[in-house]
Structures are given as C-alpha cells and as structure tokens.
C-alpha cells in the first residue's frame, strides 16, 4: 500500500464504489480541496489508473473514471486494507475488538452529526 498516498487510495476506492464522478463530487465525498483532488487525479491519470472523460450527462463537464487497471488496483488495495484490519482485530482479541468497533461507530456518528450541522 505504500506506493499510493492516503488521498490516492481514497479517490481510487471512492471511484470503485461510486463509479465515474466529477471533480466537484469527489471534493464533496472526500472532503478535500479542489487543488488536492486535481493533483490526485493528475497522479492517478499518469499511473494509468484513472481517465478523464466528458460527462455523458453534460459534455461541458469532465468525470474521473477508473481504467481497468484502476479497478484492479482498487480491488487489490481494498483486499490489503481488509487483511490488515482483520489481522489487527484478531491480535486484539474479541473484547478489545468489540471496544474498538464501538469507538469507531461513535466517532462516525459524531462526524455525521457535525457534517449535518454544517461544521
């Protein structure tokens, strides 16, 4: 996983889950700046993982879309993340793993509430 930045992984996995997105949509979903998303799209395009295409709904707009190599890379990275998390949780044991899950759920609820409140 070290060959990709967190931002690159976030965009790869977001495009794998959501399909083609405009840069604006990526900015909203990833909560990143326009400059950061543009830089990530350029990097992923140079690695042949993402292509930039005209939006079928509005030819004036551009969408970022995973290439076949991008889909394969996203799936491989996802599997590596799952394996890493599963290994960490197994090493914690059942009770501590349950506490981690409860804590993560709590943090997610806080983040959602803050987003809904516009913070």
C-alpha atoms as a PDB file:
ATOM      1  CA  UNK A   1       0.000   0.000   0.000  1.00  0.00           C
ATOM      2  CA  UNK A   2       2.991   2.297   0.395  1.00  0.00           C
ATOM      3  CA  UNK A   3       3.101   3.169  -3.303  1.00  0.00           C
ATOM      4  CA  UNK A   4      -0.138   5.172  -3.001  1.00  0.00           C
ATOM      5  CA  UNK A   5      -0.842   8.135  -0.756  1.00  0.00           C
ATOM      6  CA  UNK A   6      -3.891   8.152   1.510  1.00  0.00           C
ATOM      7  CA  UNK A   7      -5.513  10.652  -0.834  1.00  0.00           C
ATOM      8  CA  UNK A   8      -4.868   8.462  -3.861  1.00  0.00           C
ATOM      9  CA  UNK A   9      -6.304   5.431  -2.062  1.00  0.00           C
ATOM     10  CA  UNK A  10      -9.345   7.432  -1.000  1.00  0.00           C
ATOM     11  CA  UNK A  11     -10.041   8.560  -4.572  1.00  0.00           C
ATOM     12  CA  UNK A  12      -9.393   5.068  -6.014  1.00  0.00           C
ATOM     13  CA  UNK A  13     -11.731   3.401  -3.530  1.00  0.00           C
ATOM     14  CA  UNK A  14     -14.363   6.129  -3.901  1.00  0.00           C
ATOM     15  CA  UNK A  15     -14.396   5.745  -7.686  1.00  0.00           C
ATOM     16  CA  UNK A  16     -14.537   1.951  -7.321  1.00  0.00           C
ATOM     17  CA  UNK A  17     -17.576   2.243  -5.055  1.00  0.00           C
ATOM     18  CA  UNK A  18     -19.401   5.140  -6.761  1.00  0.00           C
ATOM     19  CA  UNK A  19     -18.371   4.914 -10.399  1.00  0.00           C
ATOM     20  CA  UNK A  20     -17.418   7.944 -12.521  1.00  0.00           C
ATOM     21  CA  UNK A  21     -17.541  11.242 -10.638  1.00  0.00           C
ATOM     22  CA  UNK A  22     -16.899  14.880 -11.432  1.00  0.00           C
ATOM     23  CA  UNK A  23     -14.054  16.550  -9.554  1.00  0.00           C
ATOM     24  CA  UNK A  24     -16.691  18.514  -7.624  1.00  0.00           C
ATOM     25  CA  UNK A  25     -18.371  15.321  -6.498  1.00  0.00           C
ATOM     26  CA  UNK A  26     -15.006  13.902  -5.416  1.00  0.00           C
ATOM     27  CA  UNK A  27     -14.300  17.090  -3.467  1.00  0.00           C
ATOM     28  CA  UNK A  28     -17.605  16.730  -1.592  1.00  0.00           C
ATOM     29  CA  UNK A  29     -17.333  12.992  -0.944  1.00  0.00           C
ATOM     30  CA  UNK A  30     -13.692  13.033   0.160  1.00  0.00           C
ATOM     31  CA  UNK A  31     -13.939  16.382   1.962  1.00  0.00           C
ATOM     32  CA  UNK A  32     -10.790  17.534   0.135  1.00  0.00           C
ATOM     33  CA  UNK A  33      -9.802  20.795  -1.504  1.00  0.00           C
ATOM     34  CA  UNK A  34     -10.143  21.289  -5.250  1.00  0.00           C
ATOM     35  CA  UNK A  35      -6.357  21.635  -5.596  1.00  0.00           C
ATOM     36  CA  UNK A  36      -5.783  18.371  -3.731  1.00  0.00           C
ATOM     37  CA  UNK A  37      -8.346  16.442  -5.804  1.00  0.00           C
ATOM     38  CA  UNK A  38      -6.924  17.885  -9.051  1.00  0.00           C
ATOM     39  CA  UNK A  39      -3.410  16.808  -8.004  1.00  0.00           C
ATOM     40  CA  UNK A  40      -4.593  13.290  -7.121  1.00  0.00           C
ATOM     41  CA  UNK A  41      -6.491  12.925 -10.407  1.00  0.00           C
ATOM     42  CA  UNK A  42      -3.342  14.012 -12.309  1.00  0.00           C
ATOM     43  CA  UNK A  43      -1.209  11.485 -10.407  1.00  0.00           C
ATOM     44  CA  UNK A  44      -3.681   8.641 -10.903  1.00  0.00           C
ATOM     45  CA  UNK A  45      -4.040   9.547 -14.586  1.00  0.00           C
ATOM     46  CA  UNK A  46      -0.249   9.456 -15.020  1.00  0.00           C
ATOM     47  CA  UNK A  47      -0.279   5.957 -13.461  1.00  0.00           C
ATOM     48  CA  UNK A  48      -2.994   4.876 -15.954  1.00  0.00           C
ATOM     49  CA  UNK A  49      -5.424   4.218 -13.096  1.00  0.00           C
ATOM     50  CA  UNK A  50      -7.908   6.996 -13.905  1.00  0.00           C
ATOM     51  CA  UNK A  51      -9.104   8.530 -17.134  1.00  0.00           C
ATOM     52  CA  UNK A  52     -10.769  11.887 -17.578  1.00  0.00           C
ATOM     53  CA  UNK A  53     -13.772  11.753 -19.892  1.00  0.00           C
ATOM     54  CA  UNK A  54     -16.607  14.006 -20.939  1.00  0.00           C
ATOM     55  CA  UNK A  55     -19.617  13.646 -18.670  1.00  0.00           C
ATOM     56  CA  UNK A  56     -22.307  11.809 -20.669  1.00  0.00           C
ATOM     57  CA  UNK A  57     -24.979  13.944 -18.972  1.00  0.00           C
ATOM     58  CA  UNK A  58     -23.227  17.248 -19.724  1.00  0.00           C
ATOM     59  CA  UNK A  59     -20.421  17.272 -22.299  1.00  0.00           C
ATOM     60  CA  UNK A  60     -19.060  20.520 -20.842  1.00  0.00           C
ATOM     61  CA  UNK A  61     -18.085  18.709 -17.637  1.00  0.00           C
ATOM     62  CA  UNK A  62     -15.391  16.111 -17.068  1.00  0.00           C
ATOM     63  CA  UNK A  63     -15.664  12.971 -14.969  1.00  0.00           C
ATOM     64  CA  UNK A  64     -12.877  10.919 -13.438  1.00  0.00           C
ATOM     65  CA  UNK A  65     -13.313   7.236 -14.145  1.00  0.00           C
ATOM     66  CA  UNK A  66     -11.250   4.191 -13.207  1.00  0.00           C
ATOM     67  CA  UNK A  67      -9.487   2.385 -16.007  1.00  0.00           C
ATOM     68  CA  UNK A  68      -9.443  -1.415 -15.980  1.00  0.00           C
ATOM     69  CA  UNK A  69      -6.037  -1.193 -14.286  1.00  0.00           C
ATOM     70  CA  UNK A  70      -7.589   1.246 -11.801  1.00  0.00           C
ATOM     71  CA  UNK A  71     -10.420  -1.165 -10.972  1.00  0.00           C
ATOM     72  CA  UNK A  72      -7.938  -3.994 -10.433  1.00  0.00           C
ATOM     73  CA  UNK A  73      -5.680  -1.791  -8.281  1.00  0.00           C
ATOM     74  CA  UNK A  74      -8.621  -0.549  -6.189  1.00  0.00           C
ATOM     75  CA  UNK A  75      -9.778  -4.122  -5.542  1.00  0.00           C
ATOM     76  CA  UNK A  76      -6.244  -5.218  -4.602  1.00  0.00           C
ATOM     77  CA  UNK A  77      -5.781  -2.242  -2.263  1.00  0.00           C
ATOM     78  CA  UNK A  78      -9.184  -2.864  -0.670  1.00  0.00           C
ATOM     79  CA  UNK A  79      -8.270  -6.503  -0.009  1.00  0.00           C
ATOM     80  CA  UNK A  80      -4.951  -5.443   1.537  1.00  0.00           C
ATOM     81  CA  UNK A  81      -6.737  -2.987   3.827  1.00  0.00           C
ATOM     82  CA  UNK A  82      -9.277  -5.645   4.876  1.00  0.00           C
ATOM     83  CA  UNK A  83      -6.475  -8.147   5.580  1.00  0.00           C
ATOM     84  CA  UNK A  84      -4.570  -5.557   7.613  1.00  0.00           C
ATOM     85  CA  UNK A  85      -7.606  -4.586   9.692  1.00  0.00           C
ATOM     86  CA  UNK A  86      -8.616  -8.236  10.213  1.00  0.00           C
ATOM     87  CA  UNK A  87      -5.108  -9.061  11.414  1.00  0.00           C
ATOM     88  CA  UNK A  88      -5.117  -6.116  13.813  1.00  0.00           C
ATOM     89  CA  UNK A  89      -8.530  -7.018  15.189  1.00  0.00           C
ATOM     90  CA  UNK A  90      -7.525 -10.682  15.630  1.00  0.00           C
ATOM     91  CA  UNK A  91      -4.441  -9.652  17.568  1.00  0.00           C
ATOM     92  CA  UNK A  92      -6.584  -7.535  19.921  1.00  0.00           C
ATOM     93  CA  UNK A  93      -8.896 -10.350  20.907  1.00  0.00           C
ATOM     94  CA  UNK A  94     -12.671 -10.377  20.998  1.00  0.00           C
ATOM     95  CA  UNK A  95     -13.343  -7.935  23.854  1.00  0.00           C
ATOM     96  CA  UNK A  96     -10.867  -5.244  22.754  1.00  0.00           C
ATOM     97  CA  UNK A  97     -12.027  -5.631  19.139  1.00  0.00           C
ATOM     98  CA  UNK A  98     -15.603  -5.019  20.284  1.00  0.00           C
ATOM     99  CA  UNK A  99     -14.468  -1.875  22.132  1.00  0.00           C
ATOM    100  CA  UNK A 100     -12.667  -0.615  19.015  1.00  0.00           C
ATOM    101  CA  UNK A 101     -15.778  -1.166  16.893  1.00  0.00           C
ATOM    102  CA  UNK A 102     -17.955   0.674  19.423  1.00  0.00           C
ATOM    103  CA  UNK A 103     -15.471   3.573  19.494  1.00  0.00           C
ATOM    104  CA  UNK A 104     -15.292   3.785  15.697  1.00  0.00           C
ATOM    105  CA  UNK A 105     -19.092   3.756  15.486  1.00  0.00           C
ATOM    106  CA  UNK A 106     -19.214   6.604  17.997  1.00  0.00           C
ATOM    107  CA  UNK A 107     -16.664   8.660  16.029  1.00  0.00           C
ATOM    108  CA  UNK A 108     -18.596   8.084  12.786  1.00  0.00           C
ATOM    109  CA  UNK A 109     -21.803   9.334  14.444  1.00  0.00           C
ATOM    110  CA  UNK A 110     -20.005  12.460  15.672  1.00  0.00           C
ATOM    111  CA  UNK A 111     -18.631  13.156  12.191  1.00  0.00           C
ATOM    112  CA  UNK A 112     -22.059  12.685  10.594  1.00  0.00           C
ATOM    113  CA  UNK A 113     -23.697  14.979  13.134  1.00  0.00           C
ATOM    114  CA  UNK A 114     -21.047  17.648  12.558  1.00  0.00           C
ATOM    115  CA  UNK A 115     -21.497  17.397   8.789  1.00  0.00           C
ATOM    116  CA  UNK A 116     -25.278  17.658   9.098  1.00  0.00           C
ATOM    117  CA  UNK A 117     -24.816  20.720  11.313  1.00  0.00           C
ATOM    118  CA  UNK A 118     -22.516  22.252   8.705  1.00  0.00           C
ATOM    119  CA  UNK A 119     -19.428  22.192  10.904  1.00  0.00           C
END
